[in-house]
Amino acid sequence: MSGKQAVIAVLAVMICLLGASAAAQDESNQLTGIIGRTFISDQGIKGALPPNNLVRSGKGLTFEVNYSHRFFGTAIYSVSGEVPAVFNLDEDLDSGNVVPKDYKAIFVTPSARVNLFPATAVSPWVSFGGGFAHFSESKTLLFGGTNPGGSSTTGVVQAGFGLDVNPFQRRFSRFGFRLDVRDFWSGTPNLPLADTGKTRQHNYFVGGGVIWHF
């Protein structure tokens, strides 16, 4: 699956979900836009010597688009289905001339979300689900040369928590704010010249943004 195909797949899923819930008029739907950063821990390269024995990842500027629909709710809790689509479009790498200069990552994970006290001004929540991750690497190595690796698509498990803040009571009641922390536990990018021995990695996304209730 190419990067363009992955984006098209994300949009198709979200359009289908929006269409399926178009008849709902009780503000049980949410569309959220979030901006933040992705954090990935350093990983050792098998057999490599310092200072180039680690693959170091930057803190990529990341965007999340999230559609959700509430299926059940009380004053104490609510249960929603959501589709977080997260785009890390410039994840820089560092480890001598054995890694690509950067890569793009897309995560799409249909999930279940439980909110506590959903009708109050501050509602904490947890989320869990799974889907796919797509990595698309630069064709150029960090200090020149052709990257022998290519793009890859893997399964991913998502777990997250956060806060929904709804301070507006009247005129802007359809809008709120979200603080968002998610762990996307995925396969790894294809790094044939930097074998870390790892088949999975944690991609921690931290961000904040705006919710539209409709």
Protein backbone atom coordinates (compact mmCIF):
# COMPACT_ATOMS: atom_id res chain seq x y z
CA MET A 1 0.00 0.00 0.00
CA SER A 2 1.47 3.36 -1.05
CA GLY A 3 1.20 6.56 1.00
CA LYS A 4 -1.46 7.96 -1.35
CA GLN A 5 -3.47 4.72 -1.16
CA ALA A 6 -3.29 4.84 2.64
CA VAL A 7 -4.63 8.42 2.72
CA ILE A 8 -7.44 7.49 0.30
CA ALA A 9 -8.34 4.51 2.50
CA VAL A 10 -8.51 6.76 5.58
CA LEU A 11 -10.76 9.27 3.83
CA ALA A 12 -13.03 6.51 2.48
CA VAL A 13 -13.53 5.03 5.95
CA MET A 14 -14.32 8.41 7.49
CA ILE A 15 -16.72 9.42 4.67
CA CYS A 16 -18.61 6.12 5.07
CA LEU A 17 -18.92 6.66 8.81
CA LEU A 18 -20.09 10.24 8.36
CA GLY A 19 -22.67 9.14 5.81
CA ALA A 20 -23.95 6.36 8.06
CA SER A 21 -24.62 8.82 10.88
CA ALA A 22 -25.89 11.76 8.82
CA ALA A 23 -29.41 11.32 10.13
CA ALA A 24 -28.37 11.78 13.74
CA GLN A 25 -29.45 15.18 15.09
CA ASP A 26 -28.74 14.83 18.83
CA GLU A 27 -25.07 15.87 18.71
CA SER A 28 -23.97 12.27 19.21
CA ASN A 29 -21.19 12.78 16.64
CA GLN A 30 -17.82 14.47 17.03
CA LEU A 31 -15.19 15.61 14.55
CA THR A 32 -11.88 16.51 16.19
CA GLY A 33 -8.72 18.14 14.84
CA ILE A 34 -5.56 17.82 16.95
CA ILE A 35 -1.94 18.91 16.56
CA GLY A 36 0.95 17.56 18.61
CA ARG A 37 4.20 15.60 18.61
CA THR A 38 5.20 11.95 18.30
CA PHE A 39 7.86 10.56 20.65
CA ILE A 40 9.82 7.36 19.87
CA SER A 41 12.57 5.97 22.09
CA ASP A 42 16.11 5.42 20.80
CA GLN A 43 16.89 1.88 19.65
CA GLY A 44 20.25 0.10 19.58
CA ILE A 45 21.74 -1.24 16.32
CA LYS A 46 22.98 -4.83 16.55
CA GLY A 47 26.80 -5.03 16.31
CA ALA A 48 27.29 -1.27 15.88
CA LEU A 49 29.84 0.79 17.86
CA PRO A 50 29.36 4.25 19.46
CA PRO A 51 28.56 6.95 18.54
CA ASN A 52 26.49 5.47 15.72
CA ASN A 53 25.08 2.48 17.61
CA LEU A 54 21.63 3.99 18.12
CA VAL A 55 18.75 4.92 15.84
CA ARG A 56 17.53 8.25 17.21
CA SER A 57 14.12 9.61 16.29
CA GLY A 58 13.02 13.24 16.28
CA LYS A 59 9.79 14.59 17.71
CA GLY A 60 7.74 14.70 14.53
CA LEU A 61 5.01 17.34 14.16
CA THR A 62 1.84 15.23 14.01
CA PHE A 63 -1.80 15.80 13.12
CA GLU A 64 -4.86 13.80 14.16
CA VAL A 65 -8.30 13.81 12.56
CA ASN A 66 -10.85 11.87 14.59
CA TYR A 67 -14.48 11.04 13.88
CA SER A 68 -16.56 9.45 16.63
CA HIS A 69 -20.18 8.46 17.23
CA ARG A 70 -21.73 7.95 20.67
CA PHE A 71 -23.66 4.67 20.84
CA PHE A 72 -24.67 4.75 24.50
CA GLY A 73 -24.60 7.32 27.26
CA THR A 74 -25.70 8.11 30.82
CA ALA A 75 -24.82 10.92 33.21
CA ILE A 76 -21.96 8.74 34.52
CA TYR A 77 -20.38 7.41 31.34
CA SER A 78 -20.74 7.11 27.57
CA VAL A 79 -19.45 4.62 25.00
CA SER A 80 -18.38 5.82 21.54
CA GLY A 81 -16.83 4.30 18.46
CA GLU A 82 -14.04 6.44 17.04
CA VAL A 83 -11.57 6.40 14.15
CA PRO A 84 -8.32 8.22 15.02
CA ALA A 85 -6.33 8.94 11.84
CA VAL A 86 -2.88 10.23 12.81
CA PHE A 87 -0.34 11.68 10.35
CA ASN A 88 3.34 12.10 11.29
CA LEU A 89 4.64 13.57 8.05
CA ASP A 90 8.28 14.30 8.97
CA GLU A 91 9.89 11.90 11.44
CA ASP A 92 13.62 12.73 11.37
CA LEU A 93 16.21 10.00 11.98
CA ASP A 94 19.85 10.15 13.09
CA SER A 95 22.48 7.39 13.13
CA GLY A 96 25.33 8.07 10.71
CA ASN A 97 24.95 7.06 7.08
CA VAL A 98 22.85 3.95 7.69
CA VAL A 99 19.34 5.39 8.04
CA PRO A 100 17.10 7.44 5.75
CA LYS A 101 16.97 11.11 6.63
CA ASP A 102 13.29 10.84 7.56
CA TYR A 103 10.05 8.98 7.00
CA LYS A 104 6.30 9.54 7.04
CA ALA A 105 3.96 7.52 9.24
CA ILE A 106 0.16 7.12 9.11
CA PHE A 107 -1.87 5.35 11.81
CA VAL A 108 -5.55 4.46 11.41
CA THR A 109 -7.09 2.62 14.37
CA PRO A 110 -10.86 2.15 14.75
CA SER A 111 -11.40 2.12 18.53
CA ALA A 112 -13.85 2.15 21.40
CA ARG A 113 -13.77 5.18 23.73
CA VAL A 114 -15.32 5.46 27.19
CA ASN A 115 -15.94 8.94 28.64
CA LEU A 116 -16.68 9.55 32.31
CA PHE A 117 -19.21 12.27 33.22
CA PRO A 118 -19.77 13.15 29.53
CA ALA A 119 -22.26 15.97 30.26
CA THR A 120 -19.90 17.93 32.53
CA ALA A 121 -17.39 20.61 31.60
CA VAL A 122 -14.44 18.20 32.01
CA SER A 123 -14.75 14.58 30.89
CA PRO A 124 -11.80 12.14 31.18
CA TRP A 125 -11.70 9.25 28.74
CA VAL A 126 -9.85 6.09 27.73
CA SER A 127 -9.62 4.51 24.29
CA PHE A 128 -8.53 1.14 22.90
CA GLY A 129 -8.48 -0.30 19.40
CA GLY A 130 -6.39 -1.45 16.47
CA GLY A 131 -5.81 -0.97 12.76
CA PHE A 132 -2.88 -0.36 10.47
CA ALA A 133 0.28 1.74 10.27
CA HIS A 134 1.98 2.78 7.04
CA PHE A 135 5.62 3.92 6.93
CA SER A 136 7.03 5.68 3.85
CA GLU A 137 10.77 6.35 3.96
CA SER A 138 12.90 8.94 2.23
CA LYS A 139 14.77 7.50 -0.75
CA THR A 140 17.97 9.24 0.44
CA LEU A 141 20.19 8.21 3.35
CA LEU A 142 20.96 10.79 6.02
CA PHE A 143 24.39 11.82 4.64
CA GLY A 144 23.84 10.88 1.02
CA GLY A 145 23.41 7.70 -0.93
CA THR A 146 20.37 5.66 -1.90
CA ASN A 147 18.22 4.12 0.79
CA PRO A 148 17.80 0.39 0.02
CA GLY A 149 14.68 0.20 2.21
CA GLY A 150 11.13 0.87 1.14
CA SER A 151 7.67 1.57 2.48
CA SER A 152 5.85 -0.92 4.68
CA THR A 153 2.42 -1.48 6.22
CA THR A 154 1.91 -3.22 9.57
CA GLY A 155 -0.76 -3.88 12.14
CA VAL A 156 -1.00 -1.51 15.11
CA VAL A 157 -2.64 -1.53 18.54
CA GLN A 158 -3.80 1.82 19.96
CA ALA A 159 -4.33 2.72 23.62
CA GLY A 160 -5.00 6.26 24.78
CA PHE A 161 -6.41 8.57 27.41
CA GLY A 162 -7.23 12.24 27.68
CA LEU A 163 -9.65 14.99 28.68
CA ASP A 164 -12.57 16.55 26.82
CA VAL A 165 -13.20 20.11 27.99
CA ASN A 166 -16.55 21.74 27.16
CA PRO A 167 -16.56 25.25 28.70
CA PHE A 168 -19.22 26.78 26.45
CA GLN A 169 -22.85 26.52 27.54
CA ARG A 170 -24.78 28.59 25.02
CA ARG A 171 -23.65 30.21 21.79
CA PHE A 172 -20.59 28.01 21.20
CA SER A 173 -21.92 24.85 22.87
CA ARG A 174 -21.12 22.75 19.81
CA PHE A 175 -17.38 23.32 20.31
CA GLY A 176 -14.95 22.05 22.92
CA PHE A 177 -11.32 21.11 23.42
CA ARG A 178 -9.45 17.83 23.76
CA LEU A 179 -6.14 16.87 25.36
CA ASP A 180 -4.97 13.64 23.81
CA VAL A 181 -2.30 11.03 24.69
CA ARG A 182 -2.08 7.86 22.58
CA ASP A 183 0.36 4.98 22.19
CA PHE A 184 0.44 3.38 18.74
CA TRP A 185 2.24 0.04 19.20
CA SER A 186 3.23 -0.83 15.66
CA GLY A 187 5.75 -2.63 13.53
CA THR A 188 8.97 -0.79 12.73
CA PRO A 189 10.06 1.15 9.64
CA ASN A 190 12.12 -0.82 7.14
CA LEU A 191 15.79 -0.06 8.04
CA PRO A 192 17.92 -2.73 6.32
CA LEU A 193 21.24 -1.00 7.15
CA ALA A 194 20.36 -0.45 10.82
CA ASP A 195 19.14 -3.76 12.25
CA THR A 196 17.82 -3.06 15.74
CA GLY A 197 16.50 -6.58 16.24
CA LYS A 198 13.11 -5.05 17.05
CA THR A 199 9.88 -5.96 15.31
CA ARG A 200 7.63 -3.55 17.24
CA GLN A 201 7.91 0.02 18.53
CA HIS A 202 5.87 2.45 20.64
CA ASN A 203 4.84 5.70 18.93
CA TYR A 204 3.65 8.07 21.67
CA PHE A 205 1.46 10.91 20.41
CA VAL A 206 0.69 13.90 22.66
CA GLY A 207 -1.47 16.75 21.42
CA GLY A 208 -4.41 19.07 21.83
CA GLY A 209 -7.13 20.47 19.61
CA VAL A 210 -10.77 21.37 18.97
CA ILE A 211 -13.92 19.21 19.04
CA TRP A 212 -17.00 19.91 16.93
CA HIS A 213 -20.20 18.28 18.24
CA PHE A 214 -22.94 17.64 15.68
